[in-house]
Amino acid sequence: MPDFFRTRWRGEAPLDRLFWRDMLLVGTVLSLASSALALVLLGLKLPLWLVLAVHFLPVPYTIFLMIAVWRTAEKSSGLKAQLMMLGSALWLIATVVA
């Protein structure tokens, strides 16, 4: 598991895998799962601090993935890398707000 984070932090993971699989697929699933669980907890009338904590639990991972995409894309050049940087920023906003 440490290699997973290390390779992404250093920009050594393939950009396509990082963007499409790690960020969009896995990151989105984690975000949706935490939001769904937060709604269940809210429906059970559990304390609001707990509901919010569960809802925002994946935010540090989300920020990590966005930074990893940017660090990796900076090593590449071209329109594709720039679009992935923009997409990762928009994805971060969408997953935190949703």
PDB file of N, CA and C in Angstrom:
ATOM      1  N   MET A   1       0.812  -1.203   0.000  1.00  0.00           N
ATOM      2  CA  MET A   1       0.000   0.000   0.000  1.00  0.00           C
ATOM      3  C   MET A   1       0.856   1.268   0.000  1.00  0.00           C
ATOM      4  N   PRO A   2       1.969   1.300   0.729  1.00  0.00           N
ATOM      5  CA  PRO A   2       2.792   2.518   0.671  1.00  0.00           C
ATOM      6  C   PRO A   2       3.295   2.811  -0.743  1.00  0.00           C
ATOM      7  N   ASP A   3       3.554   1.763  -1.537  1.00  0.00           N
ATOM      8  CA  ASP A   3       4.003   1.984  -2.908  1.00  0.00           C
ATOM      9  C   ASP A   3       2.929   2.678  -3.742  1.00  0.00           C
ATOM     10  N   PHE A   4       1.682   2.369  -3.462  1.00  0.00           N
ATOM     11  CA  PHE A   4       0.577   3.007  -4.173  1.00  0.00           C
ATOM     12  C   PHE A   4       0.662   4.518  -4.007  1.00  0.00           C
ATOM     13  N   PHE A   5       0.771   4.965  -2.769  1.00  0.00           N
ATOM     14  CA  PHE A   5       0.819   6.404  -2.504  1.00  0.00           C
ATOM     15  C   PHE A   5       2.138   7.010  -2.969  1.00  0.00           C
ATOM     16  N   ARG A   6       3.213   6.319  -2.761  1.00  0.00           N
ATOM     17  CA  ARG A   6       4.536   6.841  -3.135  1.00  0.00           C
ATOM     18  C   ARG A   6       4.639   7.059  -4.641  1.00  0.00           C
ATOM     19  N   THR A   7       4.227   6.077  -5.434  1.00  0.00           N
ATOM     20  CA  THR A   7       4.347   6.222  -6.889  1.00  0.00           C
ATOM     21  C   THR A   7       3.453   7.339  -7.415  1.00  0.00           C
ATOM     22  N   ARG A   8       2.310   7.510  -6.824  1.00  0.00           N
ATOM     23  CA  ARG A   8       1.427   8.581  -7.274  1.00  0.00           C
ATOM     24  C   ARG A   8       1.936   9.944  -6.827  1.00  0.00           C
ATOM     25  N   TRP A   9       2.453  10.033  -5.628  1.00  0.00           N
ATOM     26  CA  TRP A   9       2.971  11.304  -5.132  1.00  0.00           C
ATOM     27  C   TRP A   9       4.182  11.761  -5.950  1.00  0.00           C
ATOM     28  N   ARG A  10       4.993  10.811  -6.351  1.00  0.00           N
ATOM     29  CA  ARG A  10       6.195  11.142  -7.127  1.00  0.00           C
ATOM     30  C   ARG A  10       5.905  11.339  -8.612  1.00  0.00           C
ATOM     31  N   GLY A  11       4.683  11.106  -9.035  1.00  0.00           N
ATOM     32  CA  GLY A  11       4.338  11.255 -10.437  1.00  0.00           C
ATOM     33  C   GLY A  11       4.843  10.120 -11.296  1.00  0.00           C
ATOM     34  N   GLU A  12       4.998   8.950 -10.691  1.00  0.00           N
ATOM     35  CA  GLU A  12       5.535   7.789 -11.407  1.00  0.00           C
ATOM     36  C   GLU A  12       4.453   6.866 -11.949  1.00  0.00           C
ATOM     37  N   ALA A  13       3.226   7.051 -11.539  1.00  0.00           N
ATOM     38  CA  ALA A  13       2.127   6.219 -12.035  1.00  0.00           C
ATOM     39  C   ALA A  13       1.722   6.724 -13.424  1.00  0.00           C
ATOM     40  N   PRO A  14       1.286   5.819 -14.287  1.00  0.00           N
ATOM     41  CA  PRO A  14       0.816   6.266 -15.606  1.00  0.00           C
ATOM     42  C   PRO A  14      -0.368   7.232 -15.452  1.00  0.00           C
ATOM     43  N   LEU A  15      -0.308   8.332 -16.183  1.00  0.00           N
ATOM     44  CA  LEU A  15      -1.323   9.376 -16.045  1.00  0.00           C
ATOM     45  C   LEU A  15      -2.719   8.863 -16.364  1.00  0.00           C
ATOM     46  N   ASP A  16      -2.852   8.060 -17.404  1.00  0.00           N
ATOM     47  CA  ASP A  16      -4.180   7.531 -17.755  1.00  0.00           C
ATOM     48  C   ASP A  16      -4.774   6.693 -16.627  1.00  0.00           C
ATOM     49  N   ARG A  17      -3.970   5.812 -16.037  1.00  0.00           N
ATOM     50  CA  ARG A  17      -4.455   4.975 -14.935  1.00  0.00           C
ATOM     51  C   ARG A  17      -4.819   5.828 -13.726  1.00  0.00           C
ATOM     52  N   LEU A  18      -3.973   6.777 -13.428  1.00  0.00           N
ATOM     53  CA  LEU A  18      -4.206   7.658 -12.283  1.00  0.00           C
ATOM     54  C   LEU A  18      -5.495   8.446 -12.446  1.00  0.00           C
ATOM     55  N   PHE A  19      -5.678   9.013 -13.623  1.00  0.00           N
ATOM     56  CA  PHE A  19      -6.861   9.851 -13.856  1.00  0.00           C
ATOM     57  C   PHE A  19      -8.135   9.024 -13.961  1.00  0.00           C
ATOM     58  N   TRP A  20      -8.143   8.040 -14.866  1.00  0.00           N
ATOM     59  CA  TRP A  20      -9.377   7.316 -15.148  1.00  0.00           C
ATOM     60  C   TRP A  20      -9.744   6.291 -14.075  1.00  0.00           C
ATOM     61  N   ARG A  21      -8.787   5.472 -13.675  1.00  0.00           N
ATOM     62  CA  ARG A  21      -9.114   4.412 -12.718  1.00  0.00           C
ATOM     63  C   ARG A  21      -9.089   4.918 -11.284  1.00  0.00           C
ATOM     64  N   ASP A  22      -7.935   5.458 -10.871  1.00  0.00           N
ATOM     65  CA  ASP A  22      -7.772   5.833  -9.464  1.00  0.00           C
ATOM     66  C   ASP A  22      -8.685   6.989  -9.069  1.00  0.00           C
ATOM     67  N   MET A  23      -8.698   8.037  -9.887  1.00  0.00           N
ATOM     68  CA  MET A  23      -9.447   9.224  -9.512  1.00  0.00           C
ATOM     69  C   MET A  23     -10.923   9.104  -9.880  1.00  0.00           C
ATOM     70  N   LEU A  24     -11.203   8.972 -11.175  1.00  0.00           N
ATOM     71  CA  LEU A  24     -12.606   8.994 -11.586  1.00  0.00           C
ATOM     72  C   LEU A  24     -13.396   7.780 -11.136  1.00  0.00           C
ATOM     73  N   LEU A  25     -12.834   6.599 -11.272  1.00  0.00           N
ATOM     74  CA  LEU A  25     -13.596   5.399 -10.913  1.00  0.00           C
ATOM     75  C   LEU A  25     -13.589   5.161  -9.401  1.00  0.00           C
ATOM     76  N   VAL A  26     -12.417   4.890  -8.839  1.00  0.00           N
ATOM     77  CA  VAL A  26     -12.330   4.539  -7.417  1.00  0.00           C
ATOM     78  C   VAL A  26     -12.692   5.730  -6.532  1.00  0.00           C
ATOM     79  N   GLY A  27     -12.154   6.903  -6.850  1.00  0.00           N
ATOM     80  CA  GLY A  27     -12.433   8.088  -6.039  1.00  0.00           C
ATOM     81  C   GLY A  27     -13.909   8.449  -6.024  1.00  0.00           C
ATOM     82  N   THR A  28     -14.544   8.343  -7.176  1.00  0.00           N
ATOM     83  CA  THR A  28     -15.972   8.655  -7.251  1.00  0.00           C
ATOM     84  C   THR A  28     -16.799   7.634  -6.479  1.00  0.00           C
ATOM     85  N   VAL A  29     -16.453   6.366  -6.606  1.00  0.00           N
ATOM     86  CA  VAL A  29     -17.180   5.323  -5.865  1.00  0.00           C
ATOM     87  C   VAL A  29     -17.051   5.554  -4.361  1.00  0.00           C
ATOM     88  N   LEU A  30     -15.833   5.869  -3.898  1.00  0.00           N
ATOM     89  CA  LEU A  30     -15.646   6.146  -2.463  1.00  0.00           C
ATOM     90  C   LEU A  30     -16.452   7.356  -2.014  1.00  0.00           C
ATOM     91  N   SER A  31     -16.464   8.374  -2.816  1.00  0.00           N
ATOM     92  CA  SER A  31     -17.214   9.585  -2.478  1.00  0.00           C
ATOM     93  C   SER A  31     -18.715   9.312  -2.422  1.00  0.00           C
ATOM     94  N   LEU A  32     -19.212   8.591  -3.415  1.00  0.00           N
ATOM     95  CA  LEU A  32     -20.645   8.264  -3.424  1.00  0.00           C
ATOM     96  C   LEU A  32     -21.012   7.353  -2.251  1.00  0.00           C
ATOM     97  N   ALA A  33     -20.151   6.404  -1.936  1.00  0.00           N
ATOM     98  CA  ALA A  33     -20.426   5.492  -0.817  1.00  0.00           C
ATOM     99  C   ALA A  33     -20.469   6.246   0.506  1.00  0.00           C
ATOM    100  N   SER A  34     -19.533   7.171   0.700  1.00  0.00           N
ATOM    101  CA  SER A  34     -19.533   7.929   1.959  1.00  0.00           C
ATOM    102  C   SER A  34     -20.746   8.845   2.035  1.00  0.00           C
ATOM    103  N   SER A  35     -21.153   9.413   0.911  1.00  0.00           N
ATOM    104  CA  SER A  35     -22.357  10.258   0.911  1.00  0.00           C
ATOM    105  C   SER A  35     -23.600   9.435   1.204  1.00  0.00           C
ATOM    106  N   ALA A  36     -23.690   8.248   0.612  1.00  0.00           N
ATOM    107  CA  ALA A  36     -24.844   7.373   0.866  1.00  0.00           C
ATOM    108  C   ALA A  36     -24.897   6.948   2.325  1.00  0.00           C
ATOM    109  N   LEU A  37     -23.747   6.589   2.874  1.00  0.00           N
ATOM    110  CA  LEU A  37     -23.701   6.205   4.281  1.00  0.00           C
ATOM    111  C   LEU A  37     -24.073   7.386   5.169  1.00  0.00           C
ATOM    112  N   ALA A  38     -23.630   8.574   4.812  1.00  0.00           N
ATOM    113  CA  ALA A  38     -23.982   9.765   5.586  1.00  0.00           C
ATOM    114  C   ALA A  38     -25.492  10.002   5.562  1.00  0.00           C
ATOM    115  N   LEU A  39     -26.108   9.772   4.416  1.00  0.00           N
ATOM    116  CA  LEU A  39     -27.571   9.926   4.341  1.00  0.00           C
ATOM    117  C   LEU A  39     -28.289   8.900   5.214  1.00  0.00           C
ATOM    118  N   VAL A  40     -27.776   7.686   5.241  1.00  0.00           N
ATOM    119  CA  VAL A  40     -28.360   6.653   6.108  1.00  0.00           C
ATOM    120  C   VAL A  40     -28.233   7.073   7.569  1.00  0.00           C
ATOM    121  N   LEU A  41     -27.051   7.545   7.938  1.00  0.00           N
ATOM    122  CA  LEU A  41     -26.834   7.987   9.319  1.00  0.00           C
ATOM    123  C   LEU A  41     -27.730   9.165   9.668  1.00  0.00           C
ATOM    124  N   LEU A  42     -27.932  10.063   8.704  1.00  0.00           N
ATOM    125  CA  LEU A  42     -28.837  11.191   8.931  1.00  0.00           C
ATOM    126  C   LEU A  42     -30.262  10.701   9.123  1.00  0.00           C
ATOM    127  N   GLY A  43     -30.664   9.713   8.311  1.00  0.00           N
ATOM    128  CA  GLY A  43     -31.993   9.126   8.455  1.00  0.00           C
ATOM    129  C   GLY A  43     -32.186   8.428   9.790  1.00  0.00           C
ATOM    130  N   LEU A  44     -31.102   7.925  10.356  1.00  0.00           N
ATOM    131  CA  LEU A  44     -31.165   7.282  11.671  1.00  0.00           C
ATOM    132  C   LEU A  44     -31.104   8.291  12.810  1.00  0.00           C
ATOM    133  N   LYS A  45     -31.032   9.572  12.418  1.00  0.00           N
ATOM    134  CA  LYS A  45     -31.003  10.680  13.381  1.00  0.00           C
ATOM    135  C   LYS A  45     -29.792  10.615  14.312  1.00  0.00           C
ATOM    136  N   LEU A  46     -28.652  10.219  13.746  1.00  0.00           N
ATOM    137  CA  LEU A  46     -27.409  10.238  14.507  1.00  0.00           C
ATOM    138  C   LEU A  46     -26.884  11.666  14.538  1.00  0.00           C
ATOM    139  N   PRO A  47     -25.957  11.956  15.431  1.00  0.00           N
ATOM    140  CA  PRO A  47     -25.473  13.334  15.560  1.00  0.00           C
ATOM    141  C   PRO A  47     -24.928  13.889  14.238  1.00  0.00           C
ATOM    142  N   LEU A  48     -25.183  15.168  14.024  1.00  0.00           N
ATOM    143  CA  LEU A  48     -24.782  15.821  12.782  1.00  0.00           C
ATOM    144  C   LEU A  48     -23.272  15.786  12.580  1.00  0.00           C
ATOM    145  N   TRP A  49     -22.508  15.888  13.663  1.00  0.00           N
ATOM    146  CA  TRP A  49     -21.052  15.871  13.518  1.00  0.00           C
ATOM    147  C   TRP A  49     -20.588  14.537  12.925  1.00  0.00           C
ATOM    148  N   LEU A  50     -21.257  13.447  13.305  1.00  0.00           N
ATOM    149  CA  LEU A  50     -20.906  12.131  12.781  1.00  0.00           C
ATOM    150  C   LEU A  50     -21.280  12.018  11.303  1.00  0.00           C
ATOM    151  N   VAL A  51     -22.458  12.513  10.954  1.00  0.00           N
ATOM    152  CA  VAL A  51     -22.909  12.495   9.560  1.00  0.00           C
ATOM    153  C   VAL A  51     -21.936  13.277   8.683  1.00  0.00           C
ATOM    154  N   LEU A  52     -21.544  14.462   9.128  1.00  0.00           N
ATOM    155  CA  LEU A  52     -20.615  15.288   8.354  1.00  0.00           C
ATOM    156  C   LEU A  52     -19.229  14.653   8.279  1.00  0.00           C
ATOM    157  N   ALA A  53     -18.795  14.043   9.355  1.00  0.00           N
ATOM    158  CA  ALA A  53     -17.487  13.380   9.353  1.00  0.00           C
ATOM    159  C   ALA A  53     -17.460  12.249   8.332  1.00  0.00           C
ATOM    160  N   VAL A  54     -18.516  11.459   8.280  1.00  0.00           N
ATOM    161  CA  VAL A  54     -18.588  10.358   7.321  1.00  0.00           C
ATOM    162  C   VAL A  54     -18.666  10.905   5.893  1.00  0.00           C
ATOM    163  N   HIS A  55     -19.453  11.954   5.703  1.00  0.00           N
ATOM    164  CA  HIS A  55     -19.601  12.537   4.370  1.00  0.00           C
ATOM    165  C   HIS A  55     -18.268  13.071   3.839  1.00  0.00           C
ATOM    166  N   PHE A  56     -17.500  13.730   4.705  1.00  0.00           N
ATOM    167  CA  PHE A  56     -16.250  14.346   4.267  1.00  0.00           C
ATOM    168  C   PHE A  56     -15.027  13.461   4.475  1.00  0.00           C
ATOM    169  N   LEU A  57     -15.219  12.236   4.881  1.00  0.00           N
ATOM    170  CA  LEU A  57     -14.105  11.316   5.119  1.00  0.00           C
ATOM    171  C   LEU A  57     -13.193  11.128   3.904  1.00  0.00           C
ATOM    172  N   PRO A  58     -13.708  11.010   2.684  1.00  0.00           N
ATOM    173  CA  PRO A  58     -12.806  10.798   1.551  1.00  0.00           C
ATOM    174  C   PRO A  58     -12.131  12.063   1.014  1.00  0.00           C
ATOM    175  N   VAL A  59     -12.400  13.225   1.584  1.00  0.00           N
ATOM    176  CA  VAL A  59     -11.838  14.476   1.054  1.00  0.00           C
ATOM    177  C   VAL A  59     -10.306  14.486   1.052  1.00  0.00           C
ATOM    178  N   PRO A  60      -9.616  14.062   2.102  1.00  0.00           N
ATOM    179  CA  PRO A  60      -8.144  14.047   2.011  1.00  0.00           C
ATOM    180  C   PRO A  60      -7.627  13.157   0.878  1.00  0.00           C
ATOM    181  N   TYR A  61      -8.253  12.011   0.675  1.00  0.00           N
ATOM    182  CA  TYR A  61      -7.862  11.128  -0.431  1.00  0.00           C
ATOM    183  C   TYR A  61      -8.150  11.791  -1.781  1.00  0.00           C
ATOM    184  N   THR A  62      -9.268  12.482  -1.863  1.00  0.00           N
ATOM    185  CA  THR A  62      -9.638  13.199  -3.073  1.00  0.00           C
ATOM    186  C   THR A  62      -8.617  14.284  -3.398  1.00  0.00           C
ATOM    187  N   ILE A  63      -8.211  15.031  -2.392  1.00  0.00           N
ATOM    188  CA  ILE A  63      -7.202  16.072  -2.592  1.00  0.00           C
ATOM    189  C   ILE A  63      -5.875  15.436  -3.005  1.00  0.00           C
ATOM    190  N   PHE A  64      -5.512  14.346  -2.360  1.00  0.00           N
ATOM    191  CA  PHE A  64      -4.285  13.638  -2.721  1.00  0.00           C
ATOM    192  C   PHE A  64      -4.306  13.232  -4.197  1.00  0.00           C
ATOM    193  N   LEU A  65      -5.412  12.675  -4.663  1.00  0.00           N
ATOM    194  CA  LEU A  65      -5.501  12.240  -6.051  1.00  0.00           C
ATOM    195  C   LEU A  65      -5.401  13.408  -7.019  1.00  0.00           C
ATOM    196  N   MET A  66      -6.040  14.525  -6.682  1.00  0.00           N
ATOM    197  CA  MET A  66      -5.955  15.681  -7.562  1.00  0.00           C
ATOM    198  C   MET A  66      -4.519  16.185  -7.658  1.00  0.00           C
ATOM    199  N   ILE A  67      -3.845  16.267  -6.522  1.00  0.00           N
ATOM    200  CA  ILE A  67      -2.446  16.707  -6.530  1.00  0.00           C
ATOM    201  C   ILE A  67      -1.581  15.719  -7.301  1.00  0.00           C
ATOM    202  N   ALA A  68      -1.849  14.433  -7.143  1.00  0.00           N
ATOM    203  CA  ALA A  68      -1.076  13.415  -7.864  1.00  0.00           C
ATOM    204  C   ALA A  68      -1.271  13.552  -9.371  1.00  0.00           C
ATOM    205  N   VAL A  69      -2.494  13.818  -9.798  1.00  0.00           N
ATOM    206  CA  VAL A  69      -2.740  14.026 -11.227  1.00  0.00           C
ATOM    207  C   VAL A  69      -1.958  15.240 -11.714  1.00  0.00           C
ATOM    208  N   TRP A  70      -2.000  16.319 -10.954  1.00  0.00           N
ATOM    209  CA  TRP A  70      -1.282  17.532 -11.360  1.00  0.00           C
ATOM    210  C   TRP A  70       0.223  17.284 -11.432  1.00  0.00           C
ATOM    211  N   ARG A  71       0.756  16.608 -10.428  1.00  0.00           N
ATOM    212  CA  ARG A  71       2.208  16.347 -10.411  1.00  0.00           C
ATOM    213  C   ARG A  71       2.621  15.461 -11.578  1.00  0.00           C
ATOM    214  N   THR A  72       1.800  14.484 -11.893  1.00  0.00           N
ATOM    215  CA  THR A  72       2.106  13.590 -13.002  1.00  0.00           C
ATOM    216  C   THR A  72       1.925  14.302 -14.335  1.00  0.00           C
ATOM    217  N   ALA A  73       0.871  15.084 -14.468  1.00  0.00           N
ATOM    218  CA  ALA A  73       0.597  15.798 -15.720  1.00  0.00           C
ATOM    219  C   ALA A  73       1.663  16.854 -16.002  1.00  0.00           C
ATOM    220  N   GLU A  74       2.237  17.425 -14.953  1.00  0.00           N
ATOM    221  CA  GLU A  74       3.288  18.421 -15.164  1.00  0.00           C
ATOM    222  C   GLU A  74       4.520  17.811 -15.818  1.00  0.00           C
ATOM    223  N   LYS A  75       4.721  16.522 -15.633  1.00  0.00           N
ATOM    224  CA  LYS A  75       5.857  15.844 -16.265  1.00  0.00           C
ATOM    225  C   LYS A  75       5.584  15.573 -17.736  1.00  0.00           C
ATOM    226  N   SER A  76       4.328  15.576 -18.093  1.00  0.00           N
ATOM    227  CA  SER A  76       3.933  15.407 -19.493  1.00  0.00           C
ATOM    228  C   SER A  76       3.638  16.787 -20.055  1.00  0.00           C
ATOM    229  N   SER A  77       3.551  16.845 -21.341  1.00  0.00           N
ATOM    230  CA  SER A  77       3.134  18.103 -21.934  1.00  0.00           C
ATOM    231  C   SER A  77       2.017  17.803 -22.909  1.00  0.00           C
ATOM    232  N   GLY A  78       1.358  18.811 -23.321  1.00  0.00           N
ATOM    233  CA  GLY A  78       0.311  18.628 -24.310  1.00  0.00           C
ATOM    234  C   GLY A  78      -1.068  18.895 -23.772  1.00  0.00           C
ATOM    235  N   LEU A  79      -1.989  18.887 -24.676  1.00  0.00           N
ATOM    236  CA  LEU A  79      -3.378  19.210 -24.357  1.00  0.00           C
ATOM    237  C   LEU A  79      -4.005  18.172 -23.434  1.00  0.00           C
ATOM    238  N   LYS A  80      -3.692  16.900 -23.669  1.00  0.00           N
ATOM    239  CA  LYS A  80      -4.274  15.828 -22.847  1.00  0.00           C
ATOM    240  C   LYS A  80      -3.927  16.018 -21.374  1.00  0.00           C
ATOM    241  N   ALA A  81      -2.668  16.316 -21.070  1.00  0.00           N
ATOM    242  CA  ALA A  81      -2.245  16.520 -19.686  1.00  0.00           C
ATOM    243  C   ALA A  81      -2.940  17.733 -19.085  1.00  0.00           C
ATOM    244  N   GLN A  82      -3.072  18.792 -19.863  1.00  0.00           N
ATOM    245  CA  GLN A  82      -3.747  19.994 -19.363  1.00  0.00           C
ATOM    246  C   GLN A  82      -5.225  19.739 -19.103  1.00  0.00           C
ATOM    247  N   LEU A  83      -5.856  18.979 -19.988  1.00  0.00           N
ATOM    248  CA  LEU A  83      -7.268  18.648 -19.783  1.00  0.00           C
ATOM    249  C   LEU A  83      -7.463  17.767 -18.552  1.00  0.00           C
ATOM    250  N   MET A  84      -6.522  16.874 -18.306  1.00  0.00           N
ATOM    251  CA  MET A  84      -6.619  16.029 -17.111  1.00  0.00           C
ATOM    252  C   MET A  84      -6.420  16.856 -15.842  1.00  0.00           C
ATOM    253  N   MET A  85      -5.573  17.853 -15.911  1.00  0.00           N
ATOM    254  CA  MET A  85      -5.402  18.746 -14.759  1.00  0.00           C
ATOM    255  C   MET A  85      -6.699  19.513 -14.493  1.00  0.00           C
ATOM    256  N   LEU A  86      -7.295  20.050 -15.543  1.00  0.00           N
ATOM    257  CA  LEU A  86      -8.557  20.762 -15.400  1.00  0.00           C
ATOM    258  C   LEU A  86      -9.650  19.820 -14.909  1.00  0.00           C
ATOM    259  N   GLY A  87      -9.710  18.624 -15.503  1.00  0.00           N
ATOM    260  CA  GLY A  87     -10.715  17.646 -15.089  1.00  0.00           C
ATOM    261  C   GLY A  87     -10.579  17.240 -13.637  1.00  0.00           C
ATOM    262  N   SER A  88      -9.344  17.097 -13.164  1.00  0.00           N
ATOM    263  CA  SER A  88      -9.142  16.704 -11.769  1.00  0.00           C
ATOM    264  C   SER A  88      -9.582  17.817 -10.816  1.00  0.00           C
ATOM    265  N   ALA A  89      -9.359  19.067 -11.201  1.00  0.00           N
ATOM    266  CA  ALA A  89      -9.797  20.184 -10.356  1.00  0.00           C
ATOM    267  C   ALA A  89     -11.328  20.247 -10.312  1.00  0.00           C
ATOM    268  N   LEU A  90     -11.962  20.088 -11.457  1.00  0.00           N
ATOM    269  CA  LEU A  90     -13.424  20.093 -11.496  1.00  0.00           C
ATOM    270  C   LEU A  90     -14.008  18.896 -10.749  1.00  0.00           C
ATOM    271  N   TRP A  91     -13.333  17.747 -10.853  1.00  0.00           N
ATOM    272  CA  TRP A  91     -13.778  16.548 -10.140  1.00  0.00           C
ATOM    273  C   TRP A  91     -13.679  16.758  -8.624  1.00  0.00           C
ATOM    274  N   LEU A  92     -12.597  17.395  -8.180  1.00  0.00           N
ATOM    275  CA  LEU A  92     -12.450  17.675  -6.738  1.00  0.00           C
ATOM    276  C   LEU A  92     -13.613  18.538  -6.253  1.00  0.00           C
ATOM    277  N   ILE A  93     -13.911  19.578  -6.986  1.00  0.00           N
ATOM    278  CA  ILE A  93     -15.028  20.465  -6.598  1.00  0.00           C
ATOM    279  C   ILE A  93     -16.343  19.686  -6.581  1.00  0.00           C
ATOM    280  N   ALA A  94     -16.579  18.893  -7.592  1.00  0.00           N
ATOM    281  CA  ALA A  94     -17.834  18.133  -7.684  1.00  0.00           C
ATOM    282  C   ALA A  94     -17.972  17.123  -6.555  1.00  0.00           C
ATOM    283  N   THR A  95     -16.893  16.436  -6.203  1.00  0.00           N
ATOM    284  CA  THR A  95     -17.010  15.407  -5.169  1.00  0.00           C
ATOM    285  C   THR A  95     -17.089  16.001  -3.774  1.00  0.00           C
ATOM    286  N   VAL A  96     -16.500  17.148  -3.556  1.00  0.00           N
ATOM    287  CA  VAL A  96     -16.579  17.767  -2.234  1.00  0.00           C
ATOM    288  C   VAL A  96     -17.934  18.422  -2.030  1.00  0.00           C
ATOM    289  N   VAL A  97     -18.479  19.022  -3.074  1.00  0.00           N
ATOM    290  CA  VAL A  97     -19.755  19.722  -2.958  1.00  0.00           C
ATOM    291  C   VAL A  97     -20.926  18.736  -2.931  1.00  0.00           C
ATOM    292  N   ALA A  98     -20.804  17.662  -3.689  1.00  0.00           N
ATOM    293  CA  ALA A  98     -21.930  16.725  -3.803  1.00  0.00           C
ATOM    294  C   ALA A  98     -22.124  15.919  -2.550  1.00  0.00           C
TER     295      ALA A  98
END
